[in-house]
């Protein structure tokens, strides 16, 4: 039996949900993480456009930026999880582009940012065994539970985790995957007086402590040595 006009009309009805203006927030990320992802997405999109319009090969662009060709492939693939805002700004600057920002005051969030993106990055480069020491002597079982969202990541652990993410993003500009994995356990004679980064990041450290600040200053400086 043919469908009536009213039944067809009802089948065509659907709900429309207005966008917040940030696709990452719309798909479930909290405000802080969504803002960070959105900023990186806009920067990497601009960087990709510059590369495409330059007429240069990926190898030539890699030479201009002082990185390996795989890094350029990550840019062209819009892999925003592989880059920090600082690193993208550095690359844009090297290609002759200045970026300005407009800041708006936001409400203070009572809950910490969702660290799931940080867990993905950090566990890719650092073994759970090493993370137990770097994150304040937490167990491998809890690392797995936190990263899978089965337990909420405590504030102090989330702060250390995000710090490690920033360090890894800095290192990726100068080291390959294996180099990043080994970096935390290799002594640094000049930078850390023969100590390993792990020596400076043991126990219940805070990102603003002296040891972590030395680590961050060193890795951040790598971005300006090419």
N, C-alpha and C. Protein backbone atom coordinates (compact mmCIF):
# COMPACT_ATOMS: atom_id res chain seq x y z
N UNK A 1 0.85 -1.20 0.00
CA UNK A 1 0.00 0.00 0.00
C UNK A 1 0.88 1.25 0.00
N UNK A 2 0.66 2.22 -0.88
CA UNK A 2 1.49 3.42 -0.95
C UNK A 2 1.42 4.22 0.34
N UNK A 3 2.55 4.84 0.71
CA UNK A 3 2.57 5.66 1.92
C UNK A 3 1.84 6.97 1.69
N UNK A 4 1.16 7.45 2.72
CA UNK A 4 0.47 8.73 2.62
C UNK A 4 1.47 9.87 2.67
N UNK A 5 1.00 11.05 2.23
CA UNK A 5 1.88 12.22 2.25
C UNK A 5 2.30 12.58 3.67
N UNK A 6 1.38 12.38 4.63
CA UNK A 6 1.70 12.71 6.01
C UNK A 6 2.77 11.77 6.58
N UNK A 7 2.69 10.47 6.24
CA UNK A 7 3.68 9.51 6.75
C UNK A 7 5.05 9.79 6.17
N UNK A 8 5.09 10.18 4.91
CA UNK A 8 6.38 10.53 4.29
C UNK A 8 6.96 11.77 4.95
N UNK A 9 6.10 12.74 5.24
CA UNK A 9 6.55 13.98 5.88
C UNK A 9 7.14 13.70 7.25
N UNK A 10 6.44 12.79 8.02
CA UNK A 10 6.95 12.45 9.35
C UNK A 10 8.30 11.78 9.30
N UNK A 11 8.52 10.90 8.28
CA UNK A 11 9.80 10.18 8.14
C UNK A 11 10.95 11.13 7.84
N UNK A 12 10.62 12.26 7.21
CA UNK A 12 11.67 13.20 6.81
C UNK A 12 12.06 14.14 7.94
N UNK A 13 11.32 14.14 9.03
CA UNK A 13 11.63 15.03 10.13
C UNK A 13 12.85 14.53 10.90
N UNK A 14 13.69 15.43 11.33
CA UNK A 14 14.86 15.07 12.12
C UNK A 14 15.25 16.25 12.99
N UNK A 15 15.98 15.94 14.05
CA UNK A 15 16.41 16.99 14.98
C UNK A 15 17.65 17.67 14.47
N UNK A 16 17.75 18.97 14.70
CA UNK A 16 18.92 19.74 14.34
C UNK A 16 19.49 20.35 15.61
N UNK A 17 20.79 20.10 15.85
CA UNK A 17 21.46 20.65 17.03
C UNK A 17 22.45 21.70 16.57
N UNK A 18 22.32 22.92 17.10
CA UNK A 18 23.21 24.00 16.69
C UNK A 18 24.62 23.76 17.18
N UNK A 19 25.60 24.14 16.36
CA UNK A 19 27.00 23.97 16.73
C UNK A 19 27.44 25.06 17.68
N UNK A 20 28.39 24.72 18.54
CA UNK A 20 28.96 25.71 19.46
C UNK A 20 29.98 26.60 18.77
N UNK A 21 30.36 26.23 17.54
CA UNK A 21 31.42 26.95 16.84
C UNK A 21 32.77 26.27 16.96
N UNK A 22 32.85 25.25 17.81
CA UNK A 22 34.07 24.47 17.99
C UNK A 22 33.71 23.00 17.82
N UNK A 23 34.15 22.41 16.73
CA UNK A 23 33.76 21.03 16.43
C UNK A 23 34.22 20.06 17.51
N UNK A 24 35.37 20.35 18.14
CA UNK A 24 35.88 19.46 19.18
C UNK A 24 35.00 19.48 20.43
N UNK A 25 34.48 20.65 20.75
CA UNK A 25 33.55 20.75 21.88
C UNK A 25 32.26 20.02 21.54
N UNK A 26 31.83 20.14 20.29
CA UNK A 26 30.58 19.50 19.88
C UNK A 26 30.63 17.98 19.98
N UNK A 27 31.84 17.40 19.79
CA UNK A 27 31.93 15.94 19.81
C UNK A 27 32.33 15.38 21.19
N UNK A 28 32.38 16.27 22.19
CA UNK A 28 32.53 15.75 23.55
C UNK A 28 33.73 16.19 24.34
N UNK A 29 34.69 16.91 23.73
CA UNK A 29 35.84 17.37 24.50
C UNK A 29 35.41 18.52 25.41
N UNK A 30 36.07 18.63 26.58
CA UNK A 30 35.72 19.72 27.47
C UNK A 30 36.27 21.04 26.92
N UNK A 31 35.91 22.15 27.55
CA UNK A 31 36.21 23.47 27.00
C UNK A 31 37.70 23.70 26.79
N UNK A 32 38.53 23.36 27.80
CA UNK A 32 39.97 23.61 27.70
C UNK A 32 40.60 22.82 26.57
N UNK A 33 40.30 21.53 26.53
CA UNK A 33 40.91 20.68 25.51
C UNK A 33 40.39 21.03 24.12
N UNK A 34 39.10 21.37 24.03
CA UNK A 34 38.52 21.75 22.74
C UNK A 34 39.18 23.01 22.21
N UNK A 35 39.44 23.98 23.10
CA UNK A 35 40.09 25.22 22.68
C UNK A 35 41.50 24.96 22.18
N UNK A 36 42.24 24.10 22.90
CA UNK A 36 43.60 23.75 22.47
C UNK A 36 43.60 23.05 21.12
N UNK A 37 42.71 22.09 20.96
CA UNK A 37 42.64 21.35 19.69
C UNK A 37 42.23 22.26 18.55
N UNK A 38 41.31 23.18 18.81
CA UNK A 38 40.85 24.10 17.78
C UNK A 38 41.98 25.03 17.34
N UNK A 39 42.75 25.53 18.31
CA UNK A 39 43.87 26.41 17.98
C UNK A 39 44.90 25.68 17.12
N UNK A 40 45.22 24.44 17.52
CA UNK A 40 46.19 23.67 16.74
C UNK A 40 45.66 23.35 15.35
N UNK A 41 44.36 23.07 15.26
CA UNK A 41 43.77 22.75 13.96
C UNK A 41 43.85 23.95 13.01
N UNK A 42 43.58 25.14 13.53
CA UNK A 42 43.64 26.34 12.69
C UNK A 42 45.07 26.65 12.26
N UNK A 43 46.00 26.47 13.19
CA UNK A 43 47.41 26.75 12.87
C UNK A 43 47.96 25.75 11.85
N UNK A 44 47.66 24.48 12.05
CA UNK A 44 48.19 23.47 11.14
C UNK A 44 47.53 23.57 9.77
N UNK A 45 46.27 24.00 9.75
CA UNK A 45 45.60 24.20 8.46
C UNK A 45 46.26 25.33 7.68
N UNK A 46 46.59 26.41 8.38
CA UNK A 46 47.29 27.53 7.74
C UNK A 46 48.67 27.10 7.26
N UNK A 47 49.35 26.31 8.08
CA UNK A 47 50.68 25.83 7.71
C UNK A 47 50.61 24.94 6.48
N UNK A 48 49.63 24.07 6.43
CA UNK A 48 49.47 23.19 5.27
C UNK A 48 49.20 24.00 4.01
N UNK A 49 48.36 25.04 4.13
CA UNK A 49 48.07 25.90 2.98
C UNK A 49 49.33 26.57 2.46
N UNK A 50 50.17 27.03 3.39
CA UNK A 50 51.43 27.68 2.99
C UNK A 50 52.34 26.71 2.24
N UNK A 51 52.41 25.49 2.74
CA UNK A 51 53.26 24.48 2.10
C UNK A 51 52.74 24.16 0.70
N UNK A 52 51.42 23.99 0.59
CA UNK A 52 50.84 23.66 -0.72
C UNK A 52 51.03 24.77 -1.74
N UNK A 53 50.96 26.01 -1.27
CA UNK A 53 51.08 27.14 -2.20
C UNK A 53 52.53 27.54 -2.48
N UNK A 54 53.47 26.95 -1.75
CA UNK A 54 54.88 27.33 -1.91
C UNK A 54 55.50 26.81 -3.20
N UNK A 55 54.95 25.70 -3.72
CA UNK A 55 55.53 25.10 -4.91
C UNK A 55 56.76 24.26 -4.62
N UNK A 56 57.10 24.12 -3.32
CA UNK A 56 58.28 23.34 -2.94
C UNK A 56 57.87 21.91 -2.61
N UNK A 57 58.81 21.00 -2.73
CA UNK A 57 58.56 19.61 -2.37
C UNK A 57 58.58 19.47 -0.85
N UNK A 58 58.06 18.35 -0.35
CA UNK A 58 58.09 18.11 1.09
C UNK A 58 59.52 18.05 1.60
N UNK A 59 60.41 17.53 0.80
CA UNK A 59 61.82 17.46 1.22
C UNK A 59 62.40 18.87 1.36
N UNK A 60 62.06 19.77 0.43
CA UNK A 60 62.56 21.14 0.50
C UNK A 60 61.98 21.88 1.70
N UNK A 61 60.68 21.66 1.95
CA UNK A 61 60.05 22.30 3.10
C UNK A 61 60.66 21.78 4.39
N UNK A 62 60.92 20.49 4.46
CA UNK A 62 61.54 19.90 5.65
C UNK A 62 62.90 20.55 5.92
N UNK A 63 63.64 20.81 4.84
CA UNK A 63 64.95 21.46 5.00
C UNK A 63 64.77 22.89 5.52
N UNK A 64 63.75 23.59 5.03
CA UNK A 64 63.49 24.96 5.49
C UNK A 64 63.15 24.99 6.98
N UNK A 65 62.40 24.01 7.43
CA UNK A 65 61.96 23.98 8.82
C UNK A 65 62.95 23.29 9.75
N UNK A 66 63.94 22.59 9.17
CA UNK A 66 64.92 21.90 9.98
C UNK A 66 64.38 20.64 10.63
N UNK A 67 63.49 19.94 9.91
CA UNK A 67 62.89 18.71 10.44
C UNK A 67 63.00 17.61 9.40
N UNK A 68 62.63 16.39 9.79
CA UNK A 68 62.60 15.28 8.86
C UNK A 68 61.34 15.33 8.00
N UNK A 69 61.40 14.70 6.85
CA UNK A 69 60.26 14.71 5.94
C UNK A 69 58.99 14.10 6.57
N UNK A 70 59.10 13.08 7.45
CA UNK A 70 57.88 12.54 8.07
C UNK A 70 57.08 13.60 8.82
N UNK A 71 57.78 14.62 9.36
CA UNK A 71 57.08 15.69 10.06
C UNK A 71 56.18 16.47 9.10
N UNK A 72 56.66 16.67 7.89
CA UNK A 72 55.88 17.40 6.89
C UNK A 72 54.65 16.57 6.51
N UNK A 73 54.84 15.27 6.40
CA UNK A 73 53.71 14.39 6.09
C UNK A 73 52.66 14.47 7.19
N UNK A 74 53.09 14.60 8.44
CA UNK A 74 52.13 14.73 9.55
C UNK A 74 51.37 16.05 9.47
N UNK A 75 52.07 17.10 9.05
CA UNK A 75 51.40 18.39 8.86
C UNK A 75 50.36 18.28 7.76
N UNK A 76 50.75 17.70 6.63
CA UNK A 76 49.84 17.59 5.50
C UNK A 76 48.66 16.68 5.83
N UNK A 77 48.87 15.74 6.76
CA UNK A 77 47.80 14.85 7.18
C UNK A 77 46.97 15.42 8.32
N UNK A 78 47.26 16.68 8.72
CA UNK A 78 46.51 17.37 9.78
C UNK A 78 46.51 16.58 11.09
N UNK A 79 47.65 15.99 11.44
CA UNK A 79 47.74 15.21 12.67
C UNK A 79 48.05 16.15 13.84
N UNK A 80 47.02 16.84 14.28
CA UNK A 80 47.21 17.89 15.28
C UNK A 80 47.71 17.36 16.62
N UNK A 81 47.46 16.07 16.90
CA UNK A 81 47.91 15.51 18.18
C UNK A 81 49.43 15.41 18.26
N UNK A 82 50.10 15.57 17.13
CA UNK A 82 51.56 15.45 17.09
C UNK A 82 52.27 16.79 17.32
N UNK A 83 51.52 17.87 17.48
CA UNK A 83 52.14 19.20 17.54
C UNK A 83 51.58 20.03 18.68
N UNK A 84 52.45 20.84 19.26
CA UNK A 84 52.01 21.83 20.24
C UNK A 84 51.76 23.15 19.51
N UNK A 85 51.06 24.07 20.16
CA UNK A 85 50.85 25.39 19.58
C UNK A 85 52.19 26.08 19.35
N UNK A 86 53.10 25.97 20.33
CA UNK A 86 54.43 26.60 20.21
C UNK A 86 55.17 26.13 18.96
N UNK A 87 55.14 24.83 18.73
CA UNK A 87 55.87 24.27 17.60
C UNK A 87 55.26 24.74 16.27
N UNK A 88 53.95 24.77 16.19
CA UNK A 88 53.30 25.22 14.96
C UNK A 88 53.58 26.70 14.70
N UNK A 89 53.60 27.49 15.75
CA UNK A 89 53.95 28.91 15.60
C UNK A 89 55.38 29.07 15.11
N UNK A 90 56.27 28.22 15.61
CA UNK A 90 57.67 28.28 15.17
C UNK A 90 57.78 27.97 13.69
N UNK A 91 57.08 26.95 13.24
CA UNK A 91 57.12 26.58 11.82
C UNK A 91 56.53 27.68 10.95
N UNK A 92 55.43 28.27 11.39
CA UNK A 92 54.83 29.37 10.62
C UNK A 92 55.78 30.55 10.53
N UNK A 93 56.46 30.84 11.63
CA UNK A 93 57.43 31.93 11.63
C UNK A 93 58.56 31.68 10.64
N UNK A 94 59.03 30.43 10.59
CA UNK A 94 60.12 30.09 9.67
C UNK A 94 59.69 30.24 8.21
N UNK A 95 58.39 30.13 7.96
CA UNK A 95 57.88 30.29 6.60
C UNK A 95 57.38 31.71 6.36
N UNK A 96 57.73 32.62 7.28
CA UNK A 96 57.45 34.04 7.06
C UNK A 96 56.06 34.50 7.44
N UNK A 97 55.39 33.78 8.33
CA UNK A 97 54.03 34.16 8.72
C UNK A 97 53.99 34.54 10.18
N UNK A 98 53.39 35.69 10.48
CA UNK A 98 53.19 36.13 11.85
C UNK A 98 51.75 35.86 12.25
N UNK A 99 51.58 35.42 13.49
CA UNK A 99 50.25 35.08 13.99
C UNK A 99 49.92 35.97 15.18
N UNK A 100 48.72 36.54 15.18
CA UNK A 100 48.27 37.34 16.31
C UNK A 100 47.09 36.65 16.97
N UNK A 101 46.90 36.89 18.27
CA UNK A 101 45.84 36.24 19.02
C UNK A 101 44.91 37.27 19.65
N UNK A 102 43.67 36.88 19.80
CA UNK A 102 42.68 37.68 20.52
C UNK A 102 42.22 36.86 21.71
N UNK A 103 42.41 37.38 22.91
CA UNK A 103 42.08 36.63 24.12
C UNK A 103 40.77 37.11 24.72
N UNK A 104 39.95 36.16 25.17
CA UNK A 104 38.70 36.48 25.86
C UNK A 104 38.73 35.81 27.23
N UNK A 105 38.20 36.51 28.22
CA UNK A 105 38.16 35.93 29.57
C UNK A 105 37.09 34.86 29.63
N UNK A 106 37.47 33.70 30.17
CA UNK A 106 36.53 32.59 30.28
C UNK A 106 36.25 32.29 31.74
N UNK A 107 35.19 31.53 31.98
CA UNK A 107 34.89 31.12 33.34
C UNK A 107 35.94 30.16 33.86
N UNK A 108 36.25 30.24 35.13
CA UNK A 108 37.21 29.32 35.74
C UNK A 108 36.56 27.96 35.90
N UNK A 109 37.19 26.94 35.40
CA UNK A 109 36.64 25.59 35.48
C UNK A 109 37.02 24.94 36.81
N UNK A 110 36.07 24.32 37.46
CA UNK A 110 36.35 23.65 38.71
C UNK A 110 37.03 22.31 38.49
N UNK A 111 36.73 21.67 37.37
CA UNK A 111 37.31 20.36 37.09
C UNK A 111 38.50 20.51 36.15
N UNK A 112 39.55 19.68 36.28
CA UNK A 112 40.71 19.75 35.39
C UNK A 112 40.34 19.33 33.98
N UNK A 113 41.15 19.76 33.00
CA UNK A 113 40.91 19.38 31.61
C UNK A 113 41.00 17.87 31.45
N UNK A 114 40.21 17.36 30.52
CA UNK A 114 40.24 15.93 30.24
C UNK A 114 41.59 15.56 29.63
N UNK A 115 42.36 14.68 30.27
CA UNK A 115 43.72 14.38 29.79
C UNK A 115 43.81 13.26 28.78
N UNK A 116 42.70 12.84 28.16
CA UNK A 116 42.76 11.65 27.31
C UNK A 116 43.70 11.84 26.11
N UNK A 117 43.75 13.05 25.56
CA UNK A 117 44.69 13.29 24.45
C UNK A 117 46.12 13.15 24.93
N UNK A 118 46.42 13.68 26.14
CA UNK A 118 47.76 13.56 26.70
C UNK A 118 48.14 12.10 26.92
N UNK A 119 47.20 11.29 27.41
CA UNK A 119 47.50 9.88 27.61
C UNK A 119 47.87 9.21 26.30
N UNK A 120 47.16 9.53 25.22
CA UNK A 120 47.44 8.92 23.92
C UNK A 120 48.85 9.24 23.46
N UNK A 121 49.24 10.51 23.57
CA UNK A 121 50.57 10.93 23.13
C UNK A 121 51.66 10.30 23.99
N UNK A 122 51.49 10.41 25.31
CA UNK A 122 52.55 9.96 26.23
C UNK A 122 52.76 8.45 26.15
N UNK A 123 51.69 7.69 26.12
CA UNK A 123 51.84 6.22 26.10
C UNK A 123 52.39 5.72 24.78
N UNK A 124 52.34 6.55 23.75
CA UNK A 124 52.93 6.16 22.47
C UNK A 124 54.46 6.16 22.56
N UNK A 125 54.99 7.03 23.41
CA UNK A 125 56.45 7.20 23.46
C UNK A 125 57.09 6.68 24.75
N UNK A 126 56.33 6.55 25.81
CA UNK A 126 56.90 6.15 27.09
C UNK A 126 56.19 4.90 27.58
N UNK A 127 56.95 3.91 27.98
CA UNK A 127 56.36 2.66 28.45
C UNK A 127 55.64 2.90 29.77
N UNK A 128 54.65 2.07 30.06
CA UNK A 128 53.92 2.19 31.32
C UNK A 128 54.85 1.98 32.51
N UNK A 129 55.85 1.12 32.34
CA UNK A 129 56.81 0.88 33.43
C UNK A 129 57.55 2.15 33.79
N UNK A 130 57.99 2.90 32.76
CA UNK A 130 58.69 4.16 33.02
C UNK A 130 57.73 5.22 33.52
N UNK A 131 56.50 5.21 33.02
CA UNK A 131 55.51 6.19 33.46
C UNK A 131 55.19 6.06 34.94
N UNK A 132 55.29 4.86 35.48
CA UNK A 132 55.01 4.71 36.92
C UNK A 132 55.96 5.57 37.75
N UNK A 133 57.18 5.78 37.25
CA UNK A 133 58.15 6.61 37.95
C UNK A 133 57.99 8.08 37.60
N UNK A 134 57.71 8.36 36.33
CA UNK A 134 57.61 9.75 35.88
C UNK A 134 56.36 10.45 36.38
N UNK A 135 55.32 9.70 36.69
CA UNK A 135 54.05 10.30 37.10
C UNK A 135 53.81 10.26 38.60
N UNK A 136 54.83 9.97 39.36
CA UNK A 136 54.68 10.02 40.81
C UNK A 136 54.40 8.70 41.46
N UNK A 137 55.06 7.64 40.94
CA UNK A 137 54.96 6.31 41.54
C UNK A 137 53.53 5.77 41.57
N UNK A 138 52.81 5.91 40.47
CA UNK A 138 51.49 5.29 40.37
C UNK A 138 51.65 3.92 39.70
N UNK A 139 50.69 3.05 39.88
CA UNK A 139 50.81 1.68 39.37
C UNK A 139 50.48 1.61 37.88
N UNK A 140 51.00 0.57 37.23
CA UNK A 140 50.69 0.35 35.81
C UNK A 140 49.21 0.08 35.61
N UNK A 141 48.59 -0.57 36.59
CA UNK A 141 47.15 -0.86 36.50
C UNK A 141 46.36 0.45 36.47
N UNK A 142 46.74 1.39 37.33
CA UNK A 142 46.03 2.67 37.35
C UNK A 142 46.32 3.49 36.10
N UNK A 143 47.53 3.39 35.57
CA UNK A 143 47.84 4.08 34.31
C UNK A 143 46.88 3.63 33.22
N UNK A 144 46.67 2.34 33.14
CA UNK A 144 45.76 1.80 32.13
C UNK A 144 44.33 2.26 32.40
N UNK A 145 43.92 2.26 33.66
CA UNK A 145 42.55 2.68 33.99
C UNK A 145 42.34 4.17 33.71
N UNK A 146 43.33 4.98 34.05
CA UNK A 146 43.21 6.42 33.78
C UNK A 146 43.13 6.68 32.28
N UNK A 147 44.03 6.04 31.52
CA UNK A 147 44.10 6.30 30.07
C UNK A 147 42.85 5.82 29.34
N UNK A 148 42.20 4.79 29.88
CA UNK A 148 40.98 4.25 29.26
C UNK A 148 39.72 4.94 29.77
N UNK A 149 39.90 5.86 30.70
CA UNK A 149 38.75 6.59 31.22
C UNK A 149 37.93 5.83 32.25
N UNK A 150 38.47 4.71 32.73
CA UNK A 150 37.75 3.93 33.74
C UNK A 150 37.87 4.57 35.12
N UNK A 151 38.92 5.36 35.32
CA UNK A 151 39.09 6.16 36.53
C UNK A 151 39.44 7.58 36.11
N UNK A 152 38.99 8.56 36.88
CA UNK A 152 39.38 9.93 36.61
C UNK A 152 40.84 10.15 36.98
N UNK A 153 41.59 10.79 36.10
CA UNK A 153 42.99 11.07 36.38
C UNK A 153 43.09 12.14 37.46
N UNK A 154 43.78 11.88 38.58
CA UNK A 154 43.91 12.89 39.63
C UNK A 154 44.58 14.16 39.11
N UNK A 155 44.28 15.27 39.75
CA UNK A 155 44.80 16.56 39.29
C UNK A 155 46.33 16.59 39.20
N UNK A 156 47.00 16.07 40.24
CA UNK A 156 48.45 16.14 40.24
C UNK A 156 49.05 15.27 39.14
N UNK A 157 48.45 14.12 38.90
CA UNK A 157 48.92 13.24 37.82
C UNK A 157 48.65 13.88 36.47
N UNK A 158 47.47 14.51 36.32
CA UNK A 158 47.13 15.16 35.06
C UNK A 158 48.10 16.29 34.75
N UNK A 159 48.54 17.01 35.78
CA UNK A 159 49.49 18.11 35.58
C UNK A 159 50.85 17.56 35.09
N UNK A 160 51.32 16.48 35.70
CA UNK A 160 52.58 15.86 35.27
C UNK A 160 52.44 15.29 33.86
N UNK A 161 51.29 14.68 33.61
CA UNK A 161 51.04 14.08 32.30
C UNK A 161 51.09 15.13 31.19
N UNK A 162 50.44 16.26 31.42
CA UNK A 162 50.45 17.32 30.41
C UNK A 162 51.85 17.88 30.21
N UNK A 163 52.60 18.00 31.28
CA UNK A 163 53.99 18.45 31.19
C UNK A 163 54.79 17.50 30.29
N UNK A 164 54.63 16.19 30.49
CA UNK A 164 55.34 15.21 29.67
C UNK A 164 54.92 15.31 28.20
N UNK A 165 53.65 15.62 27.96
CA UNK A 165 53.18 15.80 26.58
C UNK A 165 53.91 16.95 25.91
N UNK A 166 54.06 18.06 26.62
CA UNK A 166 54.77 19.21 26.07
C UNK A 166 56.23 18.89 25.80
N UNK A 167 56.85 18.15 26.71
CA UNK A 167 58.25 17.75 26.52
C UNK A 167 58.39 16.87 25.29
N UNK A 168 57.50 15.91 25.13
CA UNK A 168 57.54 15.02 23.98
C UNK A 168 57.34 15.79 22.69
N UNK A 169 56.42 16.73 22.68
CA UNK A 169 56.18 17.53 21.47
C UNK A 169 57.42 18.33 21.10
N UNK A 170 58.14 18.84 22.10
CA UNK A 170 59.41 19.53 21.83
C UNK A 170 60.44 18.57 21.24
N UNK A 171 60.55 17.40 21.84
CA UNK A 171 61.57 16.43 21.41
C UNK A 171 61.32 15.94 19.99
N UNK A 172 60.06 15.85 19.60
CA UNK A 172 59.73 15.31 18.29
C UNK A 172 60.28 16.15 17.15
N UNK A 173 60.60 17.41 17.44
CA UNK A 173 61.19 18.24 16.40
C UNK A 173 62.64 17.93 16.14
N UNK A 174 63.29 17.20 17.07
CA UNK A 174 64.73 16.91 16.94
C UNK A 174 65.08 15.43 17.00
N UNK A 175 64.16 14.60 17.48
CA UNK A 175 64.43 13.17 17.66
C UNK A 175 63.38 12.35 16.91
N UNK A 176 63.81 11.16 16.47
CA UNK A 176 62.84 10.24 15.90
C UNK A 176 62.13 9.51 17.05
N UNK A 177 61.22 8.60 16.72
CA UNK A 177 60.42 7.94 17.75
C UNK A 177 61.29 7.22 18.77
N UNK A 178 62.29 6.48 18.31
CA UNK A 178 63.16 5.75 19.22
C UNK A 178 63.95 6.71 20.09
N UNK A 179 64.41 7.81 19.51
CA UNK A 179 65.16 8.80 20.27
C UNK A 179 64.35 9.40 21.40
N UNK A 180 63.07 9.68 21.12
CA UNK A 180 62.19 10.22 22.16
C UNK A 180 62.01 9.20 23.27
N UNK A 181 61.82 7.93 22.89
CA UNK A 181 61.60 6.88 23.89
C UNK A 181 62.80 6.72 24.82
N UNK A 182 64.01 6.92 24.29
CA UNK A 182 65.22 6.71 25.09
C UNK A 182 65.66 7.95 25.84
N UNK A 183 65.14 9.10 25.46
CA UNK A 183 65.64 10.38 25.97
C UNK A 183 65.54 10.49 27.49
N UNK A 184 64.47 10.00 28.06
CA UNK A 184 64.23 10.20 29.49
C UNK A 184 65.19 9.42 30.39
N UNK A 185 65.86 8.42 29.85
CA UNK A 185 66.73 7.59 30.69
C UNK A 185 68.21 7.72 30.33
N UNK A 186 68.53 8.66 29.46
CA UNK A 186 69.93 8.86 29.08
C UNK A 186 70.52 10.07 29.81
N UNK A 187 71.71 9.91 30.41
CA UNK A 187 72.33 11.04 31.12
C UNK A 187 72.64 12.19 30.17
N UNK A 188 72.47 13.41 30.68
CA UNK A 188 72.78 14.63 29.92
C UNK A 188 73.87 15.38 30.67
N UNK A 189 75.10 15.24 30.18
CA UNK A 189 76.26 15.78 30.90
C UNK A 189 76.19 17.29 31.05
N UNK A 190 75.94 17.99 29.96
CA UNK A 190 75.95 19.45 30.02
C UNK A 190 74.65 20.01 30.59
N UNK A 191 73.54 19.54 30.06
CA UNK A 191 72.25 20.13 30.45
C UNK A 191 71.88 19.85 31.89
N UNK A 192 72.12 18.61 32.36
CA UNK A 192 71.66 18.21 33.68
C UNK A 192 72.77 17.66 34.57
N UNK A 193 74.00 18.09 34.31
CA UNK A 193 75.15 17.68 35.14
C UNK A 193 75.29 16.17 35.26
N UNK A 194 75.09 15.48 34.15
CA UNK A 194 75.27 14.04 34.13
C UNK A 194 74.05 13.25 34.58
N UNK A 195 73.00 13.94 35.03
CA UNK A 195 71.79 13.24 35.45
C UNK A 195 70.90 12.94 34.23
N UNK A 196 69.99 12.00 34.42
CA UNK A 196 69.00 11.72 33.38
C UNK A 196 67.78 12.60 33.63
N UNK A 197 66.97 12.86 32.60
CA UNK A 197 65.70 13.57 32.84
C UNK A 197 64.85 12.87 33.89
N UNK A 198 64.89 11.54 33.92
CA UNK A 198 64.13 10.79 34.92
C UNK A 198 64.56 11.17 36.33
N UNK A 199 65.86 11.42 36.53
CA UNK A 199 66.34 11.83 37.85
C UNK A 199 65.68 13.14 38.31
N UNK A 200 65.37 14.01 37.36
CA UNK A 200 64.78 15.31 37.68
C UNK A 200 63.26 15.27 37.75
N UNK A 201 62.68 14.14 37.36
CA UNK A 201 61.22 14.02 37.31
C UNK A 201 60.73 12.85 38.15
N UNK A 202 61.37 12.62 39.27
CA UNK A 202 60.98 11.50 40.13
C UNK A 202 60.16 11.99 41.31
N UNK A 203 59.30 11.10 41.80
CA UNK A 203 58.52 11.42 42.98
C UNK A 203 57.30 12.28 42.67
N UNK A 204 56.81 13.00 43.67
CA UNK A 204 55.60 13.82 43.54
C UNK A 204 55.95 15.23 43.07
N UNK A 205 56.61 15.32 41.92
CA UNK A 205 57.05 16.62 41.42
C UNK A 205 55.89 17.42 40.83
N UNK A 206 56.10 18.72 40.79
CA UNK A 206 55.13 19.64 40.17
C UNK A 206 55.82 20.31 38.99
N UNK A 207 55.10 20.61 37.91
CA UNK A 207 55.73 21.21 36.73
C UNK A 207 56.50 22.49 37.00
N UNK A 208 56.16 23.21 38.09
CA UNK A 208 56.86 24.45 38.40
C UNK A 208 58.09 24.24 39.27
N UNK A 209 58.37 23.00 39.68
CA UNK A 209 59.56 22.73 40.49
C UNK A 209 60.83 22.96 39.66
N UNK A 210 61.96 23.10 40.33
CA UNK A 210 63.22 23.42 39.67
C UNK A 210 63.63 22.35 38.66
N UNK A 211 63.56 21.07 39.05
CA UNK A 211 63.97 20.00 38.15
C UNK A 211 63.16 19.97 36.86
N UNK A 212 61.84 19.91 36.96
CA UNK A 212 61.02 19.93 35.74
C UNK A 212 61.23 21.18 34.89
N UNK A 213 61.45 22.32 35.54
CA UNK A 213 61.68 23.54 34.77
C UNK A 213 62.97 23.46 33.96
N UNK A 214 64.00 22.82 34.52
CA UNK A 214 65.25 22.62 33.77
C UNK A 214 65.00 21.74 32.55
N UNK A 215 64.22 20.69 32.76
CA UNK A 215 63.89 19.79 31.65
C UNK A 215 63.14 20.54 30.56
N UNK A 216 62.13 21.31 30.95
CA UNK A 216 61.31 22.04 29.97
C UNK A 216 62.12 23.09 29.23
N UNK A 217 62.97 23.81 29.95
CA UNK A 217 63.81 24.83 29.31
C UNK A 217 64.71 24.21 28.25
N UNK A 218 65.27 23.04 28.58
CA UNK A 218 66.16 22.38 27.63
C UNK A 218 65.40 21.92 26.39
N UNK A 219 64.28 21.22 26.58
CA UNK A 219 63.55 20.69 25.42
C UNK A 219 62.95 21.81 24.58
N UNK A 220 62.47 22.85 25.24
CA UNK A 220 61.88 23.98 24.51
C UNK A 220 62.95 24.66 23.66
N UNK A 221 64.17 24.72 24.16
CA UNK A 221 65.25 25.38 23.42
C UNK A 221 65.61 24.61 22.14
N UNK A 222 65.30 23.33 22.10
CA UNK A 222 65.59 22.53 20.90
C UNK A 222 64.87 23.06 19.68
N UNK A 223 63.71 23.68 19.89
CA UNK A 223 62.92 24.18 18.78
C UNK A 223 63.58 25.37 18.09
N UNK A 224 64.59 25.96 18.72
CA UNK A 224 65.21 27.16 18.16
C UNK A 224 66.67 26.94 17.78
N UNK A 225 67.07 25.68 17.69
CA UNK A 225 68.46 25.38 17.36
C UNK A 225 68.65 25.04 15.89
N UNK A 226 67.55 24.87 15.13
CA UNK A 226 67.68 24.47 13.72
C UNK A 226 67.97 25.68 12.86
